[in-house]
Amino acid sequence: MSEEEDTDGALAREVRRQSITIWSPERPDASVGDRVRVTGLMVGAVDGTIFLQATGVERVEEASGELL
């Protein structure tokens, strides 16, 4: 996600989806729409294609509209 503030002070957010391969001994306990934190993130690129891999996933709780 990226954020930009315009001249009026309004905040514009852009969210892009990207697949992440999770290398873990157990299947992550997450569903579409869940807020999660990816651990052990590794990023690479080949010929302009971005690859994301990680070693784990943790659930993130949300309170008052802010992530903890």
N, C-alpha and C. Protein backbone atom coordinates (compact mmCIF):
# COMPACT_ATOMS: atom_id res chain seq x y z
N MET A 1 0.85 -1.17 0.00
CA MET A 1 0.00 0.00 0.00
C MET A 1 0.89 1.23 0.00
N SER A 2 0.52 2.22 -0.79
CA SER A 2 1.25 3.48 -0.77
C SER A 2 0.27 4.60 -0.44
N GLU A 3 0.79 5.65 0.17
CA GLU A 3 -0.03 6.80 0.56
C GLU A 3 0.59 8.08 0.03
N GLU A 4 -0.26 8.99 -0.41
CA GLU A 4 0.19 10.31 -0.84
C GLU A 4 -0.78 11.35 -0.30
N GLU A 5 -0.23 12.48 0.10
CA GLU A 5 -1.06 13.59 0.58
C GLU A 5 -1.08 14.66 -0.50
N ASP A 6 -2.30 15.11 -0.90
CA ASP A 6 -2.37 16.14 -1.93
C ASP A 6 -2.29 17.53 -1.31
N THR A 7 -2.38 18.56 -2.13
CA THR A 7 -2.22 19.94 -1.64
C THR A 7 -3.29 20.35 -0.65
N ASP A 8 -4.46 19.70 -0.69
CA ASP A 8 -5.54 20.00 0.26
C ASP A 8 -5.39 19.25 1.57
N GLY A 9 -4.40 18.39 1.65
CA GLY A 9 -4.19 17.60 2.86
C GLY A 9 -4.93 16.27 2.86
N ALA A 10 -5.67 15.98 1.78
CA ALA A 10 -6.38 14.71 1.69
C ALA A 10 -5.37 13.59 1.43
N LEU A 11 -5.64 12.43 2.04
CA LEU A 11 -4.75 11.28 1.93
C LEU A 11 -5.30 10.32 0.88
N ALA A 12 -4.52 10.01 -0.13
CA ALA A 12 -4.90 9.06 -1.16
C ALA A 12 -4.10 7.79 -0.96
N ARG A 13 -4.78 6.65 -0.96
CA ARG A 13 -4.10 5.36 -0.77
C ARG A 13 -4.27 4.50 -2.00
N GLU A 14 -3.20 3.83 -2.35
CA GLU A 14 -3.23 2.88 -3.46
C GLU A 14 -2.85 1.51 -2.91
N VAL A 15 -3.71 0.54 -3.14
CA VAL A 15 -3.46 -0.82 -2.68
C VAL A 15 -3.31 -1.71 -3.90
N ARG A 16 -2.19 -2.43 -3.96
CA ARG A 16 -1.97 -3.39 -5.04
C ARG A 16 -1.87 -4.78 -4.44
N ARG A 17 -2.50 -5.73 -5.07
CA ARG A 17 -2.44 -7.11 -4.60
C ARG A 17 -1.25 -7.82 -5.23
N GLN A 18 -0.62 -8.68 -4.44
CA GLN A 18 0.52 -9.45 -4.93
C GLN A 18 0.48 -10.82 -4.27
N SER A 19 0.64 -11.85 -5.04
CA SER A 19 0.69 -13.21 -4.48
C SER A 19 1.99 -13.40 -3.72
N ILE A 20 1.91 -14.14 -2.60
CA ILE A 20 3.09 -14.45 -1.80
C ILE A 20 3.12 -15.96 -1.57
N THR A 21 4.23 -16.59 -1.85
CA THR A 21 4.41 -18.00 -1.54
C THR A 21 4.91 -18.11 -0.11
N ILE A 22 4.20 -18.91 0.71
CA ILE A 22 4.56 -19.09 2.11
C ILE A 22 5.22 -20.46 2.28
N TRP A 23 6.48 -20.46 2.74
CA TRP A 23 7.22 -21.69 2.99
C TRP A 23 7.13 -21.98 4.49
N SER A 24 6.18 -22.83 4.87
CA SER A 24 5.94 -23.11 6.28
C SER A 24 5.58 -24.58 6.43
N PRO A 25 5.94 -25.21 7.56
CA PRO A 25 5.58 -26.62 7.76
C PRO A 25 4.07 -26.83 7.90
N GLU A 26 3.33 -25.77 8.28
CA GLU A 26 1.87 -25.87 8.44
C GLU A 26 1.18 -24.88 7.52
N ARG A 27 -0.03 -25.21 7.11
CA ARG A 27 -0.82 -24.30 6.28
C ARG A 27 -1.21 -23.08 7.11
N PRO A 28 -1.00 -21.87 6.60
CA PRO A 28 -1.35 -20.66 7.36
C PRO A 28 -2.85 -20.60 7.66
N ASP A 29 -3.20 -20.14 8.85
CA ASP A 29 -4.59 -20.00 9.27
C ASP A 29 -5.07 -18.60 8.86
N ALA A 30 -5.35 -18.42 7.57
CA ALA A 30 -5.79 -17.13 7.06
C ALA A 30 -6.75 -17.36 5.91
N SER A 31 -7.68 -16.43 5.77
CA SER A 31 -8.66 -16.48 4.70
C SER A 31 -8.63 -15.18 3.91
N VAL A 32 -9.25 -15.19 2.76
CA VAL A 32 -9.34 -13.97 1.95
C VAL A 32 -10.01 -12.88 2.77
N GLY A 33 -9.41 -11.70 2.80
CA GLY A 33 -9.96 -10.58 3.55
C GLY A 33 -9.39 -10.42 4.95
N ASP A 34 -8.69 -11.45 5.46
CA ASP A 34 -8.06 -11.35 6.79
C ASP A 34 -6.89 -10.38 6.72
N ARG A 35 -6.63 -9.70 7.80
CA ARG A 35 -5.45 -8.85 7.91
C ARG A 35 -4.36 -9.69 8.56
N VAL A 36 -3.23 -9.78 7.87
CA VAL A 36 -2.13 -10.62 8.34
C VAL A 36 -0.81 -9.88 8.25
N ARG A 37 0.15 -10.36 8.99
CA ARG A 37 1.53 -9.87 8.92
C ARG A 37 2.36 -11.03 8.38
N VAL A 38 3.14 -10.76 7.34
CA VAL A 38 3.99 -11.77 6.75
C VAL A 38 5.35 -11.70 7.43
N THR A 39 5.89 -12.85 7.83
CA THR A 39 7.19 -12.87 8.51
C THR A 39 8.23 -13.53 7.59
N GLY A 40 9.48 -13.12 7.77
CA GLY A 40 10.56 -13.69 6.97
C GLY A 40 10.40 -13.40 5.49
N LEU A 41 9.99 -12.19 5.15
CA LEU A 41 9.71 -11.84 3.76
C LEU A 41 10.99 -11.77 2.93
N MET A 42 10.93 -12.37 1.75
CA MET A 42 12.03 -12.33 0.78
C MET A 42 11.45 -11.84 -0.53
N VAL A 43 12.12 -10.87 -1.16
CA VAL A 43 11.62 -10.27 -2.40
C VAL A 43 12.67 -10.42 -3.49
N GLY A 44 12.21 -10.74 -4.68
CA GLY A 44 13.12 -10.86 -5.81
C GLY A 44 12.42 -10.45 -7.09
N ALA A 45 13.19 -10.21 -8.13
CA ALA A 45 12.62 -9.85 -9.42
C ALA A 45 13.45 -10.46 -10.54
N VAL A 46 12.76 -10.93 -11.58
CA VAL A 46 13.40 -11.47 -12.77
C VAL A 46 12.64 -10.94 -13.98
N ASP A 47 13.35 -10.31 -14.89
CA ASP A 47 12.74 -9.77 -16.11
C ASP A 47 11.51 -8.92 -15.82
N GLY A 48 11.56 -8.11 -14.78
CA GLY A 48 10.46 -7.21 -14.46
C GLY A 48 9.32 -7.83 -13.69
N THR A 49 9.40 -9.11 -13.37
CA THR A 49 8.36 -9.79 -12.60
C THR A 49 8.82 -9.89 -11.14
N ILE A 50 7.96 -9.44 -10.21
CA ILE A 50 8.29 -9.45 -8.78
C ILE A 50 7.82 -10.76 -8.16
N PHE A 51 8.69 -11.35 -7.33
CA PHE A 51 8.35 -12.57 -6.60
C PHE A 51 8.46 -12.29 -5.11
N LEU A 52 7.43 -12.69 -4.35
CA LEU A 52 7.44 -12.54 -2.89
C LEU A 52 7.33 -13.92 -2.26
N GLN A 53 8.22 -14.20 -1.32
CA GLN A 53 8.18 -15.45 -0.57
C GLN A 53 8.37 -15.12 0.90
N ALA A 54 7.80 -15.93 1.78
CA ALA A 54 7.91 -15.69 3.22
C ALA A 54 7.97 -17.02 3.95
N THR A 55 8.35 -16.94 5.22
CA THR A 55 8.44 -18.15 6.04
C THR A 55 7.29 -18.31 7.02
N GLY A 56 6.38 -17.33 7.08
CA GLY A 56 5.25 -17.46 7.99
C GLY A 56 4.23 -16.34 7.85
N VAL A 57 3.09 -16.54 8.51
CA VAL A 57 1.99 -15.58 8.51
C VAL A 57 1.44 -15.49 9.92
N GLU A 58 1.20 -14.26 10.40
CA GLU A 58 0.58 -14.04 11.71
C GLU A 58 -0.68 -13.21 11.50
N ARG A 59 -1.73 -13.51 12.26
CA ARG A 59 -2.93 -12.69 12.21
C ARG A 59 -2.70 -11.36 12.89
N VAL A 60 -3.35 -10.31 12.38
CA VAL A 60 -3.24 -8.98 12.94
C VAL A 60 -4.63 -8.56 13.42
N GLU A 61 -4.71 -8.11 14.66
CA GLU A 61 -5.98 -7.64 15.21
C GLU A 61 -6.19 -6.19 14.80
N GLU A 62 -7.43 -5.78 14.65
CA GLU A 62 -7.74 -4.40 14.30
C GLU A 62 -8.61 -3.82 15.41
N ALA A 63 -8.27 -2.60 15.85
CA ALA A 63 -9.06 -1.92 16.88
C ALA A 63 -9.15 -0.45 16.51
N SER A 64 -10.34 0.12 16.54
CA SER A 64 -10.56 1.53 16.24
C SER A 64 -10.03 1.92 14.87
N GLY A 65 -10.09 1.02 13.91
CA GLY A 65 -9.65 1.34 12.57
C GLY A 65 -8.14 1.37 12.40
N GLU A 66 -7.38 1.07 13.45
CA GLU A 66 -5.93 1.07 13.34
C GLU A 66 -5.41 -0.34 13.58
N LEU A 67 -4.36 -0.69 12.84
CA LEU A 67 -3.74 -1.98 13.03
C LEU A 67 -2.83 -1.95 14.24
N LEU A 68 -2.87 -3.00 15.03
CA LEU A 68 -1.99 -3.10 16.19
C LEU A 68 -0.76 -3.89 15.84
